[in-house]
C-alpha atoms as a PDB file:
ATOM      1  CA  MET A   1       0.000   0.000   0.000  1.00  0.00           C
ATOM      2  CA  ASN A   2       1.457   3.350  -0.951  1.00  0.00           C
ATOM      3  CA  ARG A   3       1.580   6.251   1.472  1.00  0.00           C
ATOM      4  CA  LEU A   4      -1.329   8.138  -0.104  1.00  0.00           C
ATOM      5  CA  ALA A   5      -3.574   5.103   0.246  1.00  0.00           C
ATOM      6  CA  LEU A   6      -2.368   4.684   3.844  1.00  0.00           C
ATOM      7  CA  VAL A   7      -3.291   8.266   4.645  1.00  0.00           C
ATOM      8  CA  LEU A   8      -6.744   7.827   3.117  1.00  0.00           C
ATOM      9  CA  ALA A   9      -7.241   4.615   5.069  1.00  0.00           C
ATOM     10  CA  VAL A  10      -6.235   6.239   8.323  1.00  0.00           C
ATOM     11  CA  ILE A  11      -8.598   9.155   7.689  1.00  0.00           C
ATOM     12  CA  ALA A  12     -11.424   6.758   6.842  1.00  0.00           C
ATOM     13  CA  GLY A  13     -10.728   4.778   9.997  1.00  0.00           C
ATOM     14  CA  LEU A  14     -10.751   7.857  12.145  1.00  0.00           C
ATOM     15  CA  LEU A  15     -14.020   9.019  10.670  1.00  0.00           C
ATOM     16  CA  ALA A  16     -15.631   5.576  11.101  1.00  0.00           C
ATOM     17  CA  GLY A  17     -14.450   5.388  14.688  1.00  0.00           C
ATOM     18  CA  ALA A  18     -15.801   8.815  15.347  1.00  0.00           C
ATOM     19  CA  LEU A  19     -19.266   7.710  14.244  1.00  0.00           C
ATOM     20  CA  GLY A  20     -19.253   4.881  16.807  1.00  0.00           C
ATOM     21  CA  TYR A  21     -18.301   7.011  19.775  1.00  0.00           C
ATOM     22  CA  ALA A  22     -20.898   7.695  22.431  1.00  0.00           C
ATOM     23  CA  LEU A  23     -21.625  11.333  22.910  1.00  0.00           C
ATOM     24  CA  LEU A  24     -19.863  11.353  26.289  1.00  0.00           C
ATOM     25  CA  ASP A  25     -16.850   9.458  24.912  1.00  0.00           C
ATOM     26  CA  ARG A  26     -16.381  11.712  21.836  1.00  0.00           C
ATOM     27  CA  PRO A  27     -12.894  13.283  21.800  1.00  0.00           C
ATOM     28  CA  GLN A  28     -12.322  17.001  21.505  1.00  0.00           C
ATOM     29  CA  PRO A  29     -13.130  18.248  17.954  1.00  0.00           C
ATOM     30  CA  GLU A  30      -9.547  19.108  17.197  1.00  0.00           C
ATOM     31  CA  THR A  31      -8.064  15.722  18.216  1.00  0.00           C
ATOM     32  CA  ASP A  32      -8.723  13.854  14.960  1.00  0.00           C
ATOM     33  CA  ALA A  33      -7.800  16.873  12.870  1.00  0.00           C
ATOM     34  CA  VAL A  34      -4.447  17.132  14.606  1.00  0.00           C
ATOM     35  CA  ALA A  35      -3.746  13.479  14.001  1.00  0.00           C
ATOM     36  CA  VAL A  36      -4.658  13.645  10.328  1.00  0.00           C
ATOM     37  CA  ARG A  37      -2.632  16.841   9.858  1.00  0.00           C
ATOM     38  CA  ALA A  38       0.429  15.212  11.387  1.00  0.00           C
ATOM     39  CA  ILE A  39       0.204  12.222   9.036  1.00  0.00           C
ATOM     40  CA  VAL A  40      -0.333  14.396   5.952  1.00  0.00           C
ATOM     41  CA  GLU A  41       2.561  16.691   6.863  1.00  0.00           C
ATOM     42  CA  ALA A  42       4.834  13.699   7.387  1.00  0.00           C
ATOM     43  CA  VAL A  43       3.950  12.313   3.970  1.00  0.00           C
ATOM     44  CA  LEU A  44       4.394  15.680   2.251  1.00  0.00           C
ATOM     45  CA  ALA A  45       7.721  16.147   3.964  1.00  0.00           C
ATOM     46  CA  GLU A  46       8.946  12.850   2.558  1.00  0.00           C
ATOM     47  CA  ARG A  47       7.717  13.811  -0.910  1.00  0.00           C
ATOM     48  CA  ALA A  48       9.408  17.249  -0.849  1.00  0.00           C
ATOM     49  CA  PRO A  49      12.362  17.484  -3.228  1.00  0.00           C
ATOM     50  CA  GLU A  50      15.814  17.453  -1.788  1.00  0.00           C
ATOM     51  CA  PRO A  51      17.319  20.958  -1.515  1.00  0.00           C
ATOM     52  CA  ALA A  52      19.721  21.773  -4.319  1.00  0.00           C
ATOM     53  CA  PRO A  53      23.311  21.297  -3.282  1.00  0.00           C
ATOM     54  CA  VAL A  54      25.239  24.507  -2.727  1.00  0.00           C
ATOM     55  CA  ALA A  55      28.187  24.813  -5.058  1.00  0.00           C
ATOM     56  CA  PRO A  56      31.433  25.184  -3.191  1.00  0.00           C
ATOM     57  CA  ALA A  57      33.018  28.624  -3.433  1.00  0.00           C
ATOM     58  CA  ILE A  58      35.923  28.969  -5.841  1.00  0.00           C
ATOM     59  CA  ASP A  59      38.842  30.814  -4.393  1.00  0.00           C
ATOM     60  CA  ALA A  60      40.361  33.740  -6.276  1.00  0.00           C
ATOM     61  CA  ALA A  61      43.606  31.874  -6.942  1.00  0.00           C
ATOM     62  CA  THR A  62      41.639  29.369  -9.026  1.00  0.00           C
ATOM     63  CA  LEU A  63      39.011  31.694 -10.504  1.00  0.00           C
ATOM     64  CA  ASN A  64      41.227  34.544 -11.699  1.00  0.00           C
ATOM     65  CA  PRO A  65      43.408  32.412 -14.014  1.00  0.00           C
ATOM     66  CA  MET A  66      40.242  30.858 -15.459  1.00  0.00           C
ATOM     67  CA  ILE A  67      38.837  34.314 -16.267  1.00  0.00           C
ATOM     68  CA  GLU A  68      42.148  35.421 -17.751  1.00  0.00           C
ATOM     69  CA  ASP A  69      42.369  32.303 -19.921  1.00  0.00           C
ATOM     70  CA  PHE A  70      38.805  32.875 -21.130  1.00  0.00           C
ATOM     71  CA  LEU A  71      39.488  36.492 -22.067  1.00  0.00           C
ATOM     72  CA  MET A  72      42.815  35.679 -23.719  1.00  0.00           C
ATOM     73  CA  SER A  73      41.124  33.021 -25.837  1.00  0.00           C
ATOM     74  CA  ASP A  74      39.200  35.848 -27.539  1.00  0.00           C
ATOM     75  CA  PRO A  75      41.175  39.124 -27.211  1.00  0.00           C
ATOM     76  CA  LYS A  76      38.494  41.087 -29.067  1.00  0.00           C
ATOM     77  CA  LEU A  77      35.816  40.171 -26.546  1.00  0.00           C
ATOM     78  CA  LEU A  78      36.434  43.218 -24.370  1.00  0.00           C
ATOM     79  CA  GLN A  79      36.346  45.440 -27.438  1.00  0.00           C
ATOM     80  CA  ARG A  80      32.958  44.020 -28.423  1.00  0.00           C
ATOM     81  CA  LEU A  81      31.705  44.438 -24.862  1.00  0.00           C
ATOM     82  CA  SER A  82      32.907  48.050 -24.833  1.00  0.00           C
ATOM     83  CA  VAL A  83      31.137  48.777 -28.121  1.00  0.00           C
ATOM     84  CA  ALA A  84      27.967  47.109 -26.860  1.00  0.00           C
ATOM     85  CA  LEU A  85      28.150  49.079 -23.617  1.00  0.00           C
ATOM     86  CA  ASP A  86      28.621  52.356 -25.484  1.00  0.00           C
ATOM     87  CA  GLU A  87      25.625  51.590 -27.679  1.00  0.00           C
ATOM     88  CA  THR A  88      23.486  50.641 -24.675  1.00  0.00           C
ATOM     89  CA  LEU A  89      24.421  53.839 -22.869  1.00  0.00           C
ATOM     90  CA  ARG A  90      23.791  55.883 -26.013  1.00  0.00           C
ATOM     91  CA  VAL A  91      20.312  54.411 -26.407  1.00  0.00           C
ATOM     92  CA  GLU A  92      19.549  54.998 -22.722  1.00  0.00           C
ATOM     93  CA  GLU A  93      20.767  58.592 -22.902  1.00  0.00           C
ATOM     94  CA  GLN A  94      18.698  59.214 -26.030  1.00  0.00           C
ATOM     95  CA  GLU A  95      15.606  57.810 -24.328  1.00  0.00           C
ATOM     96  CA  GLN A  96      16.179  59.987 -21.271  1.00  0.00           C
ATOM     97  CA  ALA A  97      16.732  62.987 -23.525  1.00  0.00           C
ATOM     98  CA  ARG A  98      13.559  62.166 -25.476  1.00  0.00           C
ATOM     99  CA  LEU A  99      11.504  62.119 -22.285  1.00  0.00           C
ATOM    100  CA  ALA A 100      13.126  65.317 -21.041  1.00  0.00           C
ATOM    101  CA  MET A 101      12.561  67.043 -24.380  1.00  0.00           C
ATOM    102  CA  ALA A 102       8.864  66.250 -24.136  1.00  0.00           C
ATOM    103  CA  ASP A 103       8.788  68.035 -20.773  1.00  0.00           C
ATOM    104  CA  PHE A 104      10.899  70.974 -21.997  1.00  0.00           C
ATOM    105  CA  ARG A 105       9.501  71.230 -25.513  1.00  0.00           C
ATOM    106  CA  LYS A 106       8.009  74.681 -24.975  1.00  0.00           C
ATOM    107  CA  ALA A 107      11.199  75.964 -23.335  1.00  0.00           C
ATOM    108  CA  ILE A 108      13.283  74.656 -26.243  1.00  0.00           C
ATOM    109  CA  TYR A 109      11.164  75.883 -29.131  1.00  0.00           C
ATOM    110  CA  GLU A 110       8.979  78.692 -27.806  1.00  0.00           C
ATOM    111  CA  ALA A 111      10.983  80.475 -25.110  1.00  0.00           C
ATOM    112  CA  PRO A 112      10.733  84.270 -25.123  1.00  0.00           C
ATOM    113  CA  GLY A 113      13.904  86.122 -26.019  1.00  0.00           C
ATOM    114  CA  GLN A 114      15.547  83.363 -28.022  1.00  0.00           C
ATOM    115  CA  VAL A 115      16.948  84.190 -31.450  1.00  0.00           C
ATOM    116  CA  VAL A 116      15.277  82.641 -34.493  1.00  0.00           C
ATOM    117  CA  LEU A 117      17.079  82.656 -37.848  1.00  0.00           C
ATOM    118  CA  GLY A 118      16.133  81.336 -41.265  1.00  0.00           C
ATOM    119  CA  ASN A 119      12.515  80.504 -41.950  1.00  0.00           C
ATOM    120  CA  PRO A 120      10.408  80.935 -38.779  1.00  0.00           C
ATOM    121  CA  ASP A 121       7.828  78.585 -40.342  1.00  0.00           C
ATOM    122  CA  GLY A 122      10.384  76.082 -41.595  1.00  0.00           C
ATOM    123  CA  ASP A 123       9.569  72.381 -41.755  1.00  0.00           C
ATOM    124  CA  VAL A 124      12.728  71.422 -39.825  1.00  0.00           C
ATOM    125  CA  THR A 125      14.120  73.155 -36.743  1.00  0.00           C
ATOM    126  CA  LEU A 126      17.763  73.078 -35.724  1.00  0.00           C
ATOM    127  CA  VAL A 127      18.633  74.305 -32.223  1.00  0.00           C
ATOM    128  CA  GLU A 128      22.193  75.262 -31.270  1.00  0.00           C
ATOM    129  CA  PHE A 129      23.586  75.903 -27.782  1.00  0.00           C
ATOM    130  CA  PHE A 130      26.760  77.970 -28.022  1.00  0.00           C
ATOM    131  CA  ASP A 131      29.283  80.039 -26.097  1.00  0.00           C
ATOM    132  CA  TYR A 132      30.983  83.008 -27.751  1.00  0.00           C
ATOM    133  CA  ASN A 133      34.353  81.889 -26.382  1.00  0.00           C
ATOM    134  CA  CYS A 134      33.988  78.321 -27.668  1.00  0.00           C
ATOM    135  CA  GLY A 135      36.603  77.535 -30.312  1.00  0.00           C
ATOM    136  CA  TYR A 136      34.544  74.666 -31.743  1.00  0.00           C
ATOM    137  CA  CYS A 137      31.530  76.977 -32.070  1.00  0.00           C
ATOM    138  CA  ARG A 138      33.730  79.388 -34.003  1.00  0.00           C
ATOM    139  CA  THR A 139      34.812  76.563 -36.309  1.00  0.00           C
ATOM    140  CA  ALA A 140      31.202  75.429 -36.791  1.00  0.00           C
ATOM    141  CA  LEU A 141      29.892  78.907 -37.688  1.00  0.00           C
ATOM    142  CA  PRO A 142      30.470  78.467 -41.473  1.00  0.00           C
ATOM    143  CA  ASP A 143      28.398  75.248 -41.329  1.00  0.00           C
ATOM    144  CA  LEU A 144      25.429  77.160 -39.938  1.00  0.00           C
ATOM    145  CA  ALA A 145      25.927  79.964 -42.445  1.00  0.00           C
ATOM    146  CA  ALA A 146      25.910  77.469 -45.313  1.00  0.00           C
ATOM    147  CA  LEU A 147      22.718  75.814 -44.074  1.00  0.00           C
ATOM    148  CA  LEU A 148      20.926  79.133 -43.754  1.00  0.00           C
ATOM    149  CA  ALA A 149      22.020  80.139 -47.265  1.00  0.00           C
ATOM    150  CA  GLU A 150      21.100  76.893 -49.002  1.00  0.00           C
ATOM    151  CA  ASP A 151      17.972  75.738 -47.149  1.00  0.00           C
ATOM    152  CA  PRO A 152      14.989  78.118 -47.331  1.00  0.00           C
ATOM    153  CA  ASN A 153      12.838  75.786 -45.221  1.00  0.00           C
ATOM    154  CA  LEU A 154      15.195  75.529 -42.250  1.00  0.00           C
ATOM    155  CA  LYS A 155      14.407  77.211 -38.934  1.00  0.00           C
ATOM    156  CA  VAL A 156      17.359  77.820 -36.605  1.00  0.00           C
ATOM    157  CA  ILE A 157      17.045  78.647 -32.909  1.00  0.00           C
ATOM    158  CA  LEU A 158      20.151  79.967 -31.150  1.00  0.00           C
ATOM    159  CA  LYS A 159      20.442  79.381 -27.406  1.00  0.00           C
ATOM    160  CA  GLU A 160      22.865  81.542 -25.447  1.00  0.00           C
ATOM    161  CA  PHE A 161      24.717  79.036 -23.262  1.00  0.00           C
ATOM    162  CA  PRO A 162      27.692  80.850 -21.673  1.00  0.00           C
ATOM    163  CA  ILE A 163      29.579  78.247 -19.641  1.00  0.00           C
ATOM    164  CA  LEU A 164      33.248  78.984 -20.261  1.00  0.00           C
ATOM    165  CA  SER A 165      33.788  82.242 -18.383  1.00  0.00           C
ATOM    166  CA  ASN A 166      32.219  85.310 -16.813  1.00  0.00           C
ATOM    167  CA  GLU A 167      33.193  87.172 -19.979  1.00  0.00           C
ATOM    168  CA  SER A 168      31.016  84.749 -21.922  1.00  0.00           C
ATOM    169  CA  ILE A 169      28.094  85.590 -19.641  1.00  0.00           C
ATOM    170  CA  ASP A 170      28.555  89.322 -20.218  1.00  0.00           C
ATOM    171  CA  ALA A 171      28.703  88.825 -23.981  1.00  0.00           C
ATOM    172  CA  ALA A 172      25.598  86.640 -23.854  1.00  0.00           C
ATOM    173  CA  ARG A 173      23.664  89.308 -21.939  1.00  0.00           C
ATOM    174  CA  ILE A 174      24.503  91.896 -24.597  1.00  0.00           C
ATOM    175  CA  ALA A 175      23.550  89.365 -27.281  1.00  0.00           C
ATOM    176  CA  VAL A 176      20.110  88.877 -25.736  1.00  0.00           C
ATOM    177  CA  LEU A 177      19.470  92.610 -25.993  1.00  0.00           C
ATOM    178  CA  VAL A 178      20.749  92.715 -29.565  1.00  0.00           C
ATOM    179  CA  GLY A 179      18.415  89.833 -30.421  1.00  0.00           C
ATOM    180  CA  GLU A 180      15.462  91.821 -29.077  1.00  0.00           C
ATOM    181  CA  SER A 181      16.342  94.865 -31.153  1.00  0.00           C
ATOM    182  CA  ASP A 182      15.816  95.558 -34.829  1.00  0.00           C
ATOM    183  CA  ALA A 183      19.538  95.189 -35.494  1.00  0.00           C
ATOM    184  CA  ASP A 184      20.949  92.424 -37.688  1.00  0.00           C
ATOM    185  CA  TYR A 185      21.633  89.714 -35.111  1.00  0.00           C
ATOM    186  CA  TRP A 186      23.447  87.464 -37.568  1.00  0.00           C
ATOM    187  CA  ALA A 187      25.914  90.238 -38.333  1.00  0.00           C
ATOM    188  CA  PHE A 188      26.503  90.679 -34.594  1.00  0.00           C
ATOM    189  CA  HIS A 189      26.870  86.904 -34.187  1.00  0.00           C
ATOM    190  CA  GLU A 190      29.433  86.660 -36.970  1.00  0.00           C
ATOM    191  CA  ALA A 191      31.345  89.680 -35.687  1.00  0.00           C
ATOM    192  CA  LEU A 192      31.858  88.155 -32.244  1.00  0.00           C
ATOM    193  CA  PHE A 193      32.940  84.784 -33.592  1.00  0.00           C
ATOM    194  CA  SER A 194      35.364  86.377 -36.035  1.00  0.00           C
ATOM    195  CA  SER A 195      36.904  88.733 -33.466  1.00  0.00           C
ATOM    196  CA  ARG A 196      40.347  88.144 -32.026  1.00  0.00           C
ATOM    197  CA  GLY A 197      41.013  87.340 -28.409  1.00  0.00           C
ATOM    198  CA  LYS A 198      38.510  86.651 -25.671  1.00  0.00           C
ATOM    199  CA  VAL A 199      34.943  87.761 -26.327  1.00  0.00           C
ATOM    200  CA  ASP A 200      33.826  89.890 -23.399  1.00  0.00           C
ATOM    201  CA  LYS A 201      31.484  92.767 -22.626  1.00  0.00           C
ATOM    202  CA  ALA A 202      33.667  95.290 -24.430  1.00  0.00           C
ATOM    203  CA  ALA A 203      33.798  93.182 -27.596  1.00  0.00           C
ATOM    204  CA  ALA A 204      30.027  92.642 -27.531  1.00  0.00           C
ATOM    205  CA  LEU A 205      29.296  96.331 -26.981  1.00  0.00           C
ATOM    206  CA  ALA A 206      31.637  97.303 -29.802  1.00  0.00           C
ATOM    207  CA  ALA A 207      29.960  94.859 -32.198  1.00  0.00           C
ATOM    208  CA  ALA A 208      26.529  96.157 -31.186  1.00  0.00           C
ATOM    209  CA  GLN A 209      27.647  99.748 -31.680  1.00  0.00           C
ATOM    210  CA  GLU A 210      28.699  98.890 -35.243  1.00  0.00           C
ATOM    211  CA  LEU A 211      25.044  98.000 -35.854  1.00  0.00           C
ATOM    212  CA  GLY A 212      23.847 101.359 -34.567  1.00  0.00           C
ATOM    213  CA  LEU A 213      22.928 100.372 -31.015  1.00  0.00           C
ATOM    214  CA  SER A 214      23.890 102.462 -28.000  1.00  0.00           C
ATOM    215  CA  PRO A 215      26.566 100.747 -25.892  1.00  0.00           C
ATOM    216  CA  VAL A 216      25.590 102.901 -22.895  1.00  0.00           C
ATOM    217  CA  ASP A 217      21.959 101.790 -23.109  1.00  0.00           C
ATOM    218  CA  LEU A 218      22.942  98.140 -23.547  1.00  0.00           C
ATOM    219  CA  GLU A 219      25.273  98.215 -20.572  1.00  0.00           C
ATOM    220  CA  LEU A 220      22.589  99.771 -18.382  1.00  0.00           C
ATOM    221  CA  ARG A 221      20.059  97.100 -19.343  1.00  0.00           C
ATOM    222  CA  MET A 222      22.250  93.996 -19.487  1.00  0.00           C
ATOM    223  CA  GLY A 223      21.638  93.242 -15.791  1.00  0.00           C
ATOM    224  CA  GLU A 224      17.853  93.186 -16.027  1.00  0.00           C
ATOM    225  CA  PRO A 225      16.153  90.034 -14.681  1.00  0.00           C
ATOM    226  CA  ARG A 226      14.439  89.526 -18.018  1.00  0.00           C
ATOM    227  CA  VAL A 227      17.826  89.184 -19.728  1.00  0.00           C
ATOM    228  CA  ALA A 228      19.059  86.761 -17.091  1.00  0.00           C
ATOM    229  CA  SER A 229      15.921  84.632 -17.504  1.00  0.00           C
ATOM    230  CA  VAL A 230      16.722  84.023 -21.182  1.00  0.00           C
ATOM    231  CA  ILE A 231      20.119  82.598 -20.277  1.00  0.00           C
ATOM    232  CA  GLN A 232      18.686  80.725 -17.297  1.00  0.00           C
ATOM    233  CA  ASN A 233      16.286  79.021 -19.670  1.00  0.00           C
ATOM    234  CA  SER A 234      19.266  77.564 -21.543  1.00  0.00           C
ATOM    235  CA  TYR A 235      20.859  76.359 -18.308  1.00  0.00           C
ATOM    236  CA  GLU A 236      17.672  74.593 -17.229  1.00  0.00           C
ATOM    237  CA  ILE A 237      17.250  72.855 -20.567  1.00  0.00           C
ATOM    238  CA  ALA A 238      20.897  71.830 -20.559  1.00  0.00           C
ATOM    239  CA  GLN A 239      20.626  70.338 -17.089  1.00  0.00           C
ATOM    240  CA  ALA A 240      17.536  68.358 -18.038  1.00  0.00           C
ATOM    241  CA  LEU A 241      19.054  67.037 -21.271  1.00  0.00           C
ATOM    242  CA  GLY A 242      22.559  66.447 -19.945  1.00  0.00           C
ATOM    243  CA  ILE A 243      24.131  69.106 -22.174  1.00  0.00           C
ATOM    244  CA  THR A 244      27.571  69.961 -20.824  1.00  0.00           C
ATOM    245  CA  GLY A 245      29.494  71.447 -23.753  1.00  0.00           C
ATOM    246  CA  THR A 246      29.275  73.643 -26.817  1.00  0.00           C
ATOM    247  CA  PRO A 247      28.313  73.513 -29.515  1.00  0.00           C
ATOM    248  CA  THR A 248      25.407  71.179 -28.873  1.00  0.00           C
ATOM    249  CA  TYR A 249      22.602  70.756 -31.384  1.00  0.00           C
ATOM    250  CA  ILE A 250      19.061  69.509 -31.011  1.00  0.00           C
ATOM    251  CA  ILE A 251      17.201  68.183 -34.012  1.00  0.00           C
ATOM    252  CA  GLY A 252      14.094  66.084 -33.657  1.00  0.00           C
ATOM    253  CA  ASN A 253      14.534  63.953 -30.543  1.00  0.00           C
ATOM    254  CA  GLU A 254      18.321  63.832 -30.814  1.00  0.00           C
ATOM    255  CA  VAL A 255      20.811  65.804 -28.751  1.00  0.00           C
ATOM    256  CA  ILE A 256      24.027  66.100 -30.754  1.00  0.00           C
ATOM    257  CA  PRO A 257      27.102  67.062 -28.737  1.00  0.00           C
ATOM    258  CA  GLY A 258      29.978  68.670 -30.604  1.00  0.00           C
ATOM    259  CA  ALA A 259      30.558  70.085 -34.067  1.00  0.00           C
ATOM    260  CA  ILE A 260      29.594  67.261 -36.418  1.00  0.00           C
ATOM    261  CA  GLY A 261      30.281  69.189 -39.615  1.00  0.00           C
ATOM    262  CA  LEU A 262      28.124  70.439 -42.440  1.00  0.00           C
ATOM    263  CA  ASP A 263      27.513  67.016 -43.996  1.00  0.00           C
ATOM    264  CA  GLY A 264      26.441  65.566 -40.648  1.00  0.00           C
ATOM    265  CA  LEU A 265      23.914  68.356 -40.139  1.00  0.00           C
ATOM    266  CA  ARG A 266      22.665  68.071 -43.712  1.00  0.00           C
ATOM    267  CA  ALA A 267      22.118  64.336 -43.315  1.00  0.00           C
ATOM    268  CA  ARG A 268      20.058  64.754 -40.169  1.00  0.00           C
ATOM    269  CA  ILE A 269      17.961  67.520 -41.694  1.00  0.00           C
ATOM    270  CA  ALA A 270      17.302  65.325 -44.744  1.00  0.00           C
ATOM    271  CA  ASP A 271      16.304  62.402 -42.514  1.00  0.00           C
ATOM    272  CA  MET A 272      13.934  64.627 -40.546  1.00  0.00           C
ATOM    273  CA  ARG A 273      12.164  65.471 -43.785  1.00  0.00           C
ATOM    274  CA  GLU A 274      12.109  61.881 -44.950  1.00  0.00           C
ATOM    275  CA  CYS A 275      10.964  60.017 -41.838  1.00  0.00           C
ATOM    276  CA  GLY A 276      10.414  62.556 -39.060  1.00  0.00           C
ATOM    277  CA  GLU A 277      13.497  61.337 -37.173  1.00  0.00           C
ATOM    278  CA  SER A 278      17.044  62.654 -37.168  1.00  0.00           C
ATOM    279  CA  ARG A 279      18.234  59.203 -38.224  1.00  0.00           C
ATOM    280  CA  CYS A 280      16.056  57.045 -40.438  1.00  0.00           C
ATOM    281  CA  SER A 281      16.441  53.319 -39.785  1.00  0.00           C
END
């Protein structure tokens, strides 16, 4: 007789015996239940699988040579892992940036005081964060000039992002005021990036004066909270999107750090028109 049948027989016997008891001789209600429970638990305990054996720990003196031998058997493994890690991090950063851009969309594209060049109703928008003392921004200026000249449907938004020095902040404050005026901002922009030496308040005021603006008036107004809020807007966007250097571009849902050259910008603009993404799959 197997154990299950034995348990059933015992239960049946207990129940039959219980029916024959006199009322005064009947045991406490829990007595039979306790007995049955004990038998069932004993059977289940015997049926329970044996716990999996715990593998003995491997000491470092044994494990380390094994790892080294494995890696040396395929020297390019670490390179592939590094590439895979970089790609994983890039995808994660892009996803974080995409979510942040959804939250900051209005601040990126509709902030008051920002400079808009090209076609304000263009079908593709290119955003650039720059610092007037950034050498790479200076190098990338001809790329932006070429795009504006050749693409009548491109909208460009310039974000003052002075991060390199206090002189950069002063120049950016003057630039905000120039952008609000009727003066030719692009001429001012080119003048500062083509000037020699560090771009500071004096250089910005001189460039503005060449456009017919009063340097005295600009200097008096450059400390206004409204001017500071324009630059603060750039800082807040940069913090949310992880922008830490200049130039940095935004196109579609992609944050592009560094000067990627005219062809790189053209390719992304073309992809935006073709598939609505900065990089068509």
